[in-house]
Amino acid sequence: MFRFPTELVGEHLVSEAAVFFTEALAKLNARQFIREAPEDSPCCARCAGCELDTDSALQDAKRLLETRVGHPVSIVAYSMGRELSQGMACRPVLVEGDRLAYQREDGSIVDPVSKFEAPEESCCCGRHDDAEEHG
């Protein structure tokens, strides 16, 4: 079994490495969600009240919810992990050459990071970013 730390601080990740880390974190997150009932956690990092920070450490879902600050890899891995825990087959992909997202088995692309770039955009649950109202 390969082991790696779930936090890498101050390291610049190239796009291909980001895909690898996203897949690994998403699988770890899926296991966490299965153990801890995914319906008890926010539907996405935005609903959890997290902020996007490209300089933050890579974190699993539990740490992401504790710190409320996430690297794009952690944010995509959170959403992808929730889908994996619910039996949805998906894989991390790069869109536009370097933007991290994930693709579902049906071919649809999900880009959780884009929610942080457009404040007026609704979350996947149809609500705006307000951690108090999401669950």
N, C-alpha and C. Protein backbone atom coordinates (compact mmCIF):
# COMPACT_ATOMS: atom_id res chain seq x y z
N MET A 1 0.84 -1.18 0.00
CA MET A 1 0.00 0.00 0.00
C MET A 1 0.89 1.24 0.00
N PHE A 2 0.54 2.21 -0.81
CA PHE A 2 1.25 3.47 -0.84
C PHE A 2 0.69 4.39 0.23
N ARG A 3 1.58 5.09 0.89
CA ARG A 3 1.13 6.03 1.92
C ARG A 3 1.71 7.39 1.59
N PHE A 4 0.95 8.42 1.87
CA PHE A 4 1.44 9.78 1.70
C PHE A 4 0.70 10.66 2.70
N PRO A 5 1.31 11.75 3.12
CA PRO A 5 0.63 12.64 4.07
C PRO A 5 -0.55 13.31 3.39
N THR A 6 -1.60 13.58 4.17
CA THR A 6 -2.76 14.26 3.59
C THR A 6 -2.59 15.76 3.61
N GLU A 7 -1.47 16.23 4.15
CA GLU A 7 -1.20 17.66 4.14
C GLU A 7 0.17 17.91 3.54
N LEU A 8 0.23 18.73 2.53
CA LEU A 8 1.48 19.17 1.94
C LEU A 8 1.46 20.69 1.97
N VAL A 9 2.32 21.28 2.76
CA VAL A 9 2.31 22.73 2.92
C VAL A 9 3.44 23.34 2.11
N GLY A 10 3.14 24.42 1.40
CA GLY A 10 4.15 25.17 0.68
C GLY A 10 4.69 24.51 -0.57
N GLU A 11 4.03 23.49 -1.05
CA GLU A 11 4.50 22.82 -2.26
C GLU A 11 3.60 23.18 -3.43
N HIS A 12 4.22 23.45 -4.57
CA HIS A 12 3.45 23.73 -5.78
C HIS A 12 3.17 22.40 -6.47
N LEU A 13 1.91 22.10 -6.66
CA LEU A 13 1.55 20.84 -7.31
C LEU A 13 1.29 21.08 -8.79
N VAL A 14 1.91 20.28 -9.61
CA VAL A 14 1.62 20.37 -11.04
C VAL A 14 0.27 19.72 -11.29
N SER A 15 -0.34 20.05 -12.38
CA SER A 15 -1.69 19.59 -12.68
C SER A 15 -1.84 18.07 -12.63
N GLU A 16 -0.89 17.35 -13.18
CA GLU A 16 -0.99 15.89 -13.19
C GLU A 16 -0.94 15.33 -11.77
N ALA A 17 -0.11 15.90 -10.93
CA ALA A 17 -0.04 15.46 -9.54
C ALA A 17 -1.33 15.79 -8.81
N ALA A 18 -1.94 16.91 -9.15
CA ALA A 18 -3.21 17.29 -8.53
C ALA A 18 -4.28 16.25 -8.80
N VAL A 19 -4.29 15.68 -10.01
CA VAL A 19 -5.25 14.63 -10.35
C VAL A 19 -5.01 13.41 -9.46
N PHE A 20 -3.76 13.01 -9.30
CA PHE A 20 -3.43 11.86 -8.47
C PHE A 20 -3.88 12.09 -7.02
N PHE A 21 -3.54 13.23 -6.46
CA PHE A 21 -3.90 13.52 -5.07
C PHE A 21 -5.40 13.65 -4.89
N THR A 22 -6.08 14.20 -5.89
CA THR A 22 -7.54 14.32 -5.80
C THR A 22 -8.18 12.95 -5.73
N GLU A 23 -7.74 12.04 -6.59
CA GLU A 23 -8.31 10.69 -6.58
C GLU A 23 -8.06 9.99 -5.25
N ALA A 24 -6.85 10.11 -4.74
CA ALA A 24 -6.52 9.46 -3.47
C ALA A 24 -7.34 10.05 -2.32
N LEU A 25 -7.43 11.38 -2.25
CA LEU A 25 -8.21 12.02 -1.18
C LEU A 25 -9.69 11.72 -1.32
N ALA A 26 -10.20 11.69 -2.55
CA ALA A 26 -11.62 11.39 -2.76
C ALA A 26 -11.96 9.99 -2.25
N LYS A 27 -11.09 9.03 -2.50
CA LYS A 27 -11.32 7.66 -2.02
C LYS A 27 -11.26 7.61 -0.50
N LEU A 28 -10.33 8.33 0.09
CA LEU A 28 -10.25 8.42 1.54
C LEU A 28 -11.51 9.08 2.10
N ASN A 29 -11.94 10.17 1.47
CA ASN A 29 -13.16 10.86 1.90
C ASN A 29 -14.38 9.96 1.78
N ALA A 30 -14.46 9.19 0.71
CA ALA A 30 -15.61 8.29 0.53
C ALA A 30 -15.70 7.31 1.69
N ARG A 31 -14.57 6.79 2.11
CA ARG A 31 -14.57 5.88 3.27
C ARG A 31 -15.05 6.60 4.53
N GLN A 32 -14.60 7.85 4.71
CA GLN A 32 -15.05 8.63 5.87
C GLN A 32 -16.56 8.86 5.82
N PHE A 33 -17.06 9.24 4.65
CA PHE A 33 -18.49 9.51 4.52
C PHE A 33 -19.32 8.24 4.75
N ILE A 34 -18.85 7.11 4.28
CA ILE A 34 -19.58 5.85 4.50
C ILE A 34 -19.65 5.54 5.99
N ARG A 35 -18.53 5.73 6.69
CA ARG A 35 -18.50 5.46 8.13
C ARG A 35 -19.35 6.45 8.92
N GLU A 36 -19.36 7.72 8.49
CA GLU A 36 -19.98 8.78 9.28
C GLU A 36 -21.29 9.29 8.71
N ALA A 37 -21.92 8.60 7.81
CA ALA A 37 -23.19 8.98 7.19
C ALA A 37 -23.08 10.31 6.44
N PRO A 38 -22.97 10.27 5.11
CA PRO A 38 -22.78 11.49 4.32
C PRO A 38 -23.90 12.51 4.47
N GLU A 39 -25.10 12.06 4.79
CA GLU A 39 -26.21 13.02 4.93
C GLU A 39 -26.04 13.92 6.14
N ASP A 40 -25.12 13.57 7.05
CA ASP A 40 -24.86 14.41 8.22
C ASP A 40 -23.83 15.50 7.96
N SER A 41 -23.21 15.49 6.79
CA SER A 41 -22.20 16.50 6.46
C SER A 41 -22.73 17.43 5.37
N PRO A 42 -22.15 18.64 5.28
CA PRO A 42 -22.59 19.58 4.23
C PRO A 42 -22.43 18.97 2.84
N CYS A 43 -23.27 19.41 1.90
CA CYS A 43 -23.25 18.83 0.55
C CYS A 43 -21.99 19.19 -0.22
N CYS A 44 -21.33 20.29 0.13
CA CYS A 44 -20.10 20.67 -0.55
C CYS A 44 -19.28 21.57 0.37
N ALA A 45 -18.04 21.85 -0.02
CA ALA A 45 -17.17 22.68 0.81
C ALA A 45 -17.71 24.11 0.92
N ARG A 46 -18.36 24.58 -0.12
CA ARG A 46 -18.93 25.93 -0.06
C ARG A 46 -20.02 26.01 0.99
N CYS A 47 -20.90 25.03 1.03
CA CYS A 47 -21.97 25.01 2.03
C CYS A 47 -21.43 24.82 3.44
N ALA A 48 -20.25 24.25 3.55
CA ALA A 48 -19.62 24.07 4.86
C ALA A 48 -19.00 25.36 5.37
N GLY A 49 -19.02 26.40 4.53
CA GLY A 49 -18.44 27.67 4.93
C GLY A 49 -16.95 27.76 4.69
N CYS A 50 -16.42 26.87 3.86
CA CYS A 50 -14.98 26.88 3.57
C CYS A 50 -14.63 28.02 2.62
N GLU A 51 -13.38 28.43 2.70
CA GLU A 51 -12.83 29.42 1.78
C GLU A 51 -11.82 28.74 0.88
N LEU A 52 -11.72 29.22 -0.36
CA LEU A 52 -10.75 28.69 -1.31
C LEU A 52 -9.40 29.35 -1.04
N ASP A 53 -8.35 28.55 -0.92
CA ASP A 53 -7.00 29.06 -0.69
C ASP A 53 -6.02 28.13 -1.39
N THR A 54 -5.47 28.59 -2.50
CA THR A 54 -4.56 27.74 -3.27
C THR A 54 -3.24 27.47 -2.55
N ASP A 55 -2.96 28.19 -1.48
CA ASP A 55 -1.74 27.96 -0.71
C ASP A 55 -1.95 27.08 0.51
N SER A 56 -3.17 26.64 0.73
CA SER A 56 -3.44 25.82 1.92
C SER A 56 -2.98 24.38 1.71
N ALA A 57 -2.92 23.65 2.80
CA ALA A 57 -2.50 22.25 2.76
C ALA A 57 -3.58 21.38 2.14
N LEU A 58 -3.18 20.24 1.57
CA LEU A 58 -4.15 19.26 1.11
C LEU A 58 -4.70 18.55 2.33
N GLN A 59 -6.03 18.41 2.37
CA GLN A 59 -6.67 17.84 3.56
C GLN A 59 -7.78 16.88 3.18
N ASP A 60 -8.02 15.91 4.05
CA ASP A 60 -9.18 15.05 3.86
C ASP A 60 -10.43 15.81 4.30
N ALA A 61 -11.59 15.20 4.12
CA ALA A 61 -12.86 15.89 4.39
C ALA A 61 -12.97 16.34 5.84
N LYS A 62 -12.56 15.50 6.75
CA LYS A 62 -12.67 15.83 8.17
C LYS A 62 -11.87 17.08 8.52
N ARG A 63 -10.61 17.12 8.07
CA ARG A 63 -9.76 18.30 8.34
C ARG A 63 -10.28 19.52 7.60
N LEU A 64 -10.78 19.34 6.39
CA LEU A 64 -11.32 20.46 5.62
C LEU A 64 -12.46 21.12 6.38
N LEU A 65 -13.34 20.32 6.95
CA LEU A 65 -14.46 20.87 7.71
C LEU A 65 -14.00 21.52 9.01
N GLU A 66 -12.90 21.05 9.57
CA GLU A 66 -12.37 21.65 10.79
C GLU A 66 -11.72 23.00 10.52
N THR A 67 -10.91 23.08 9.46
CA THR A 67 -10.16 24.31 9.19
C THR A 67 -10.97 25.34 8.40
N ARG A 68 -11.92 24.88 7.61
CA ARG A 68 -12.77 25.73 6.76
C ARG A 68 -11.98 26.53 5.72
N VAL A 69 -10.81 26.03 5.36
CA VAL A 69 -9.99 26.61 4.31
C VAL A 69 -9.50 25.46 3.45
N GLY A 70 -9.70 25.56 2.13
CA GLY A 70 -9.34 24.43 1.30
C GLY A 70 -8.63 24.76 0.01
N HIS A 71 -7.66 23.93 -0.31
CA HIS A 71 -6.98 23.93 -1.59
C HIS A 71 -7.96 23.37 -2.62
N PRO A 72 -7.88 23.76 -3.89
CA PRO A 72 -8.78 23.20 -4.90
C PRO A 72 -8.80 21.67 -4.91
N VAL A 73 -7.67 21.02 -4.68
CA VAL A 73 -7.63 19.56 -4.63
C VAL A 73 -8.55 19.05 -3.52
N SER A 74 -8.47 19.65 -2.34
CA SER A 74 -9.29 19.22 -1.21
C SER A 74 -10.76 19.46 -1.47
N ILE A 75 -11.08 20.58 -2.11
CA ILE A 75 -12.47 20.93 -2.39
C ILE A 75 -13.09 19.97 -3.40
N VAL A 76 -12.36 19.65 -4.46
CA VAL A 76 -12.86 18.69 -5.46
C VAL A 76 -12.95 17.30 -4.83
N ALA A 77 -11.94 16.92 -4.05
CA ALA A 77 -11.95 15.59 -3.41
C ALA A 77 -13.10 15.44 -2.42
N TYR A 78 -13.50 16.53 -1.78
CA TYR A 78 -14.64 16.48 -0.85
C TYR A 78 -15.91 16.09 -1.62
N SER A 79 -16.22 16.85 -2.68
CA SER A 79 -17.44 16.58 -3.45
C SER A 79 -17.39 15.23 -4.15
N MET A 80 -16.24 14.90 -4.71
CA MET A 80 -16.09 13.62 -5.39
C MET A 80 -16.22 12.47 -4.39
N GLY A 81 -15.68 12.63 -3.20
CA GLY A 81 -15.79 11.60 -2.17
C GLY A 81 -17.23 11.35 -1.75
N ARG A 82 -18.02 12.41 -1.68
CA ARG A 82 -19.45 12.24 -1.34
C ARG A 82 -20.13 11.41 -2.42
N GLU A 83 -19.83 11.70 -3.68
CA GLU A 83 -20.46 10.94 -4.77
C GLU A 83 -19.99 9.48 -4.78
N LEU A 84 -18.70 9.27 -4.55
CA LEU A 84 -18.19 7.89 -4.50
C LEU A 84 -18.86 7.12 -3.36
N SER A 85 -19.07 7.77 -2.24
CA SER A 85 -19.69 7.09 -1.09
C SER A 85 -21.14 6.70 -1.36
N GLN A 86 -21.75 7.36 -2.35
CA GLN A 86 -23.13 7.06 -2.70
C GLN A 86 -23.22 6.15 -3.93
N GLY A 87 -22.06 5.59 -4.33
CA GLY A 87 -22.04 4.62 -5.41
C GLY A 87 -21.90 5.20 -6.81
N MET A 88 -21.67 6.50 -6.93
CA MET A 88 -21.50 7.14 -8.24
C MET A 88 -20.05 6.96 -8.70
N ALA A 89 -19.85 6.36 -9.84
CA ALA A 89 -18.50 6.22 -10.40
C ALA A 89 -18.07 7.55 -10.98
N CYS A 90 -16.89 8.01 -10.58
CA CYS A 90 -16.36 9.26 -11.12
C CYS A 90 -14.84 9.27 -11.01
N ARG A 91 -14.24 10.20 -11.74
CA ARG A 91 -12.78 10.30 -11.75
C ARG A 91 -12.37 11.76 -11.89
N PRO A 92 -11.22 12.14 -11.32
CA PRO A 92 -10.77 13.53 -11.47
C PRO A 92 -10.30 13.78 -12.90
N VAL A 93 -10.53 14.99 -13.37
CA VAL A 93 -10.12 15.39 -14.72
C VAL A 93 -9.60 16.83 -14.67
N LEU A 94 -8.87 17.18 -15.71
CA LEU A 94 -8.45 18.56 -15.90
C LEU A 94 -9.28 19.15 -17.03
N VAL A 95 -9.90 20.27 -16.77
CA VAL A 95 -10.64 20.97 -17.81
C VAL A 95 -9.87 22.23 -18.16
N GLU A 96 -9.92 22.61 -19.41
CA GLU A 96 -9.18 23.77 -19.90
C GLU A 96 -7.69 23.64 -19.61
N GLY A 97 -7.19 22.40 -19.60
CA GLY A 97 -5.76 22.17 -19.44
C GLY A 97 -5.24 22.11 -18.03
N ASP A 98 -5.79 22.92 -17.11
CA ASP A 98 -5.22 22.93 -15.77
C ASP A 98 -6.24 23.10 -14.65
N ARG A 99 -7.50 23.21 -14.99
CA ARG A 99 -8.53 23.40 -13.96
C ARG A 99 -9.03 22.04 -13.50
N LEU A 100 -8.96 21.80 -12.20
CA LEU A 100 -9.33 20.52 -11.62
C LEU A 100 -10.83 20.42 -11.44
N ALA A 101 -11.39 19.28 -11.82
CA ALA A 101 -12.82 18.98 -11.67
C ALA A 101 -12.93 17.46 -11.59
N TYR A 102 -14.15 16.95 -11.65
CA TYR A 102 -14.31 15.50 -11.77
C TYR A 102 -15.44 15.19 -12.73
N GLN A 103 -15.33 13.99 -13.32
CA GLN A 103 -16.29 13.55 -14.33
C GLN A 103 -17.04 12.33 -13.81
N ARG A 104 -18.35 12.41 -13.93
CA ARG A 104 -19.20 11.27 -13.54
C ARG A 104 -19.19 10.23 -14.66
N GLU A 105 -19.65 9.05 -14.33
CA GLU A 105 -19.70 7.95 -15.30
C GLU A 105 -20.53 8.31 -16.54
N ASP A 106 -21.55 9.15 -16.37
CA ASP A 106 -22.40 9.54 -17.50
C ASP A 106 -21.75 10.60 -18.39
N GLY A 107 -20.53 11.03 -18.04
CA GLY A 107 -19.80 12.00 -18.85
C GLY A 107 -19.94 13.44 -18.39
N SER A 108 -20.84 13.71 -17.47
CA SER A 108 -21.01 15.09 -16.99
C SER A 108 -19.81 15.50 -16.13
N ILE A 109 -19.45 16.77 -16.25
CA ILE A 109 -18.32 17.33 -15.52
C ILE A 109 -18.86 18.15 -14.35
N VAL A 110 -18.27 17.94 -13.17
CA VAL A 110 -18.64 18.69 -11.97
C VAL A 110 -17.42 19.51 -11.55
N ASP A 111 -17.61 20.81 -11.37
CA ASP A 111 -16.52 21.72 -11.04
C ASP A 111 -16.83 22.44 -9.72
N PRO A 112 -16.57 21.80 -8.57
CA PRO A 112 -16.90 22.41 -7.28
C PRO A 112 -16.16 23.71 -7.00
N VAL A 113 -14.97 23.89 -7.57
CA VAL A 113 -14.19 25.10 -7.31
C VAL A 113 -14.84 26.33 -7.92
N SER A 114 -15.58 26.16 -9.01
CA SER A 114 -16.21 27.31 -9.67
C SER A 114 -17.21 28.02 -8.76
N LYS A 115 -17.77 27.31 -7.78
CA LYS A 115 -18.72 27.93 -6.85
C LYS A 115 -18.07 29.05 -6.04
N PHE A 116 -16.77 28.96 -5.84
CA PHE A 116 -16.05 29.95 -5.05
C PHE A 116 -15.70 31.19 -5.87
N GLU A 117 -15.74 31.07 -7.19
CA GLU A 117 -15.36 32.18 -8.06
C GLU A 117 -16.53 33.05 -8.47
N ALA A 118 -17.74 32.56 -8.32
CA ALA A 118 -18.95 33.31 -8.69
C ALA A 118 -19.87 33.36 -7.48
N PRO A 119 -19.76 34.42 -6.67
CA PRO A 119 -20.54 34.48 -5.43
C PRO A 119 -22.04 34.40 -5.63
N GLU A 120 -22.52 34.78 -6.79
CA GLU A 120 -23.97 34.74 -7.03
C GLU A 120 -24.45 33.36 -7.44
N GLU A 121 -23.53 32.45 -7.74
CA GLU A 121 -23.91 31.10 -8.17
C GLU A 121 -24.46 30.30 -7.00
N SER A 122 -25.54 29.60 -7.24
CA SER A 122 -26.13 28.75 -6.20
C SER A 122 -25.33 27.48 -6.05
N CYS A 123 -25.45 26.90 -4.91
CA CYS A 123 -24.80 25.63 -4.63
C CYS A 123 -25.59 24.51 -5.32
N CYS A 124 -25.03 23.31 -5.28
CA CYS A 124 -25.71 22.16 -5.87
C CYS A 124 -27.05 21.89 -5.19
N CYS A 125 -27.19 22.32 -3.94
CA CYS A 125 -28.46 22.10 -3.24
C CYS A 125 -29.44 23.24 -3.52
N GLY A 126 -29.03 24.21 -4.35
CA GLY A 126 -29.92 25.30 -4.74
C GLY A 126 -29.88 26.51 -3.84
N ARG A 127 -28.98 26.50 -2.88
CA ARG A 127 -28.88 27.62 -1.95
C ARG A 127 -27.56 28.34 -2.13
N HIS A 128 -27.50 29.55 -1.62
CA HIS A 128 -26.24 30.29 -1.64
C HIS A 128 -25.41 29.92 -0.43
N ASP A 129 -24.17 30.35 -0.44
CA ASP A 129 -23.21 30.03 0.62
C ASP A 129 -23.65 30.62 1.96
N ASP A 130 -24.14 29.76 2.83
CA ASP A 130 -24.50 30.15 4.18
C ASP A 130 -24.47 28.89 5.02
N ALA A 131 -23.34 28.65 5.66
CA ALA A 131 -23.15 27.40 6.40
C ALA A 131 -24.20 27.17 7.47
N GLU A 132 -24.81 28.22 7.98
CA GLU A 132 -25.81 28.08 9.03
C GLU A 132 -27.06 27.36 8.50
N GLU A 133 -27.38 27.55 7.20
CA GLU A 133 -28.61 27.00 6.65
C GLU A 133 -28.43 25.65 5.99
N HIS A 134 -27.19 25.20 5.82
CA HIS A 134 -26.93 23.96 5.10
C HIS A 134 -26.59 22.86 6.08
N GLY A 135 -26.84 21.64 5.63
CA GLY A 135 -26.49 20.53 6.51
C GLY A 135 -26.22 19.28 5.82
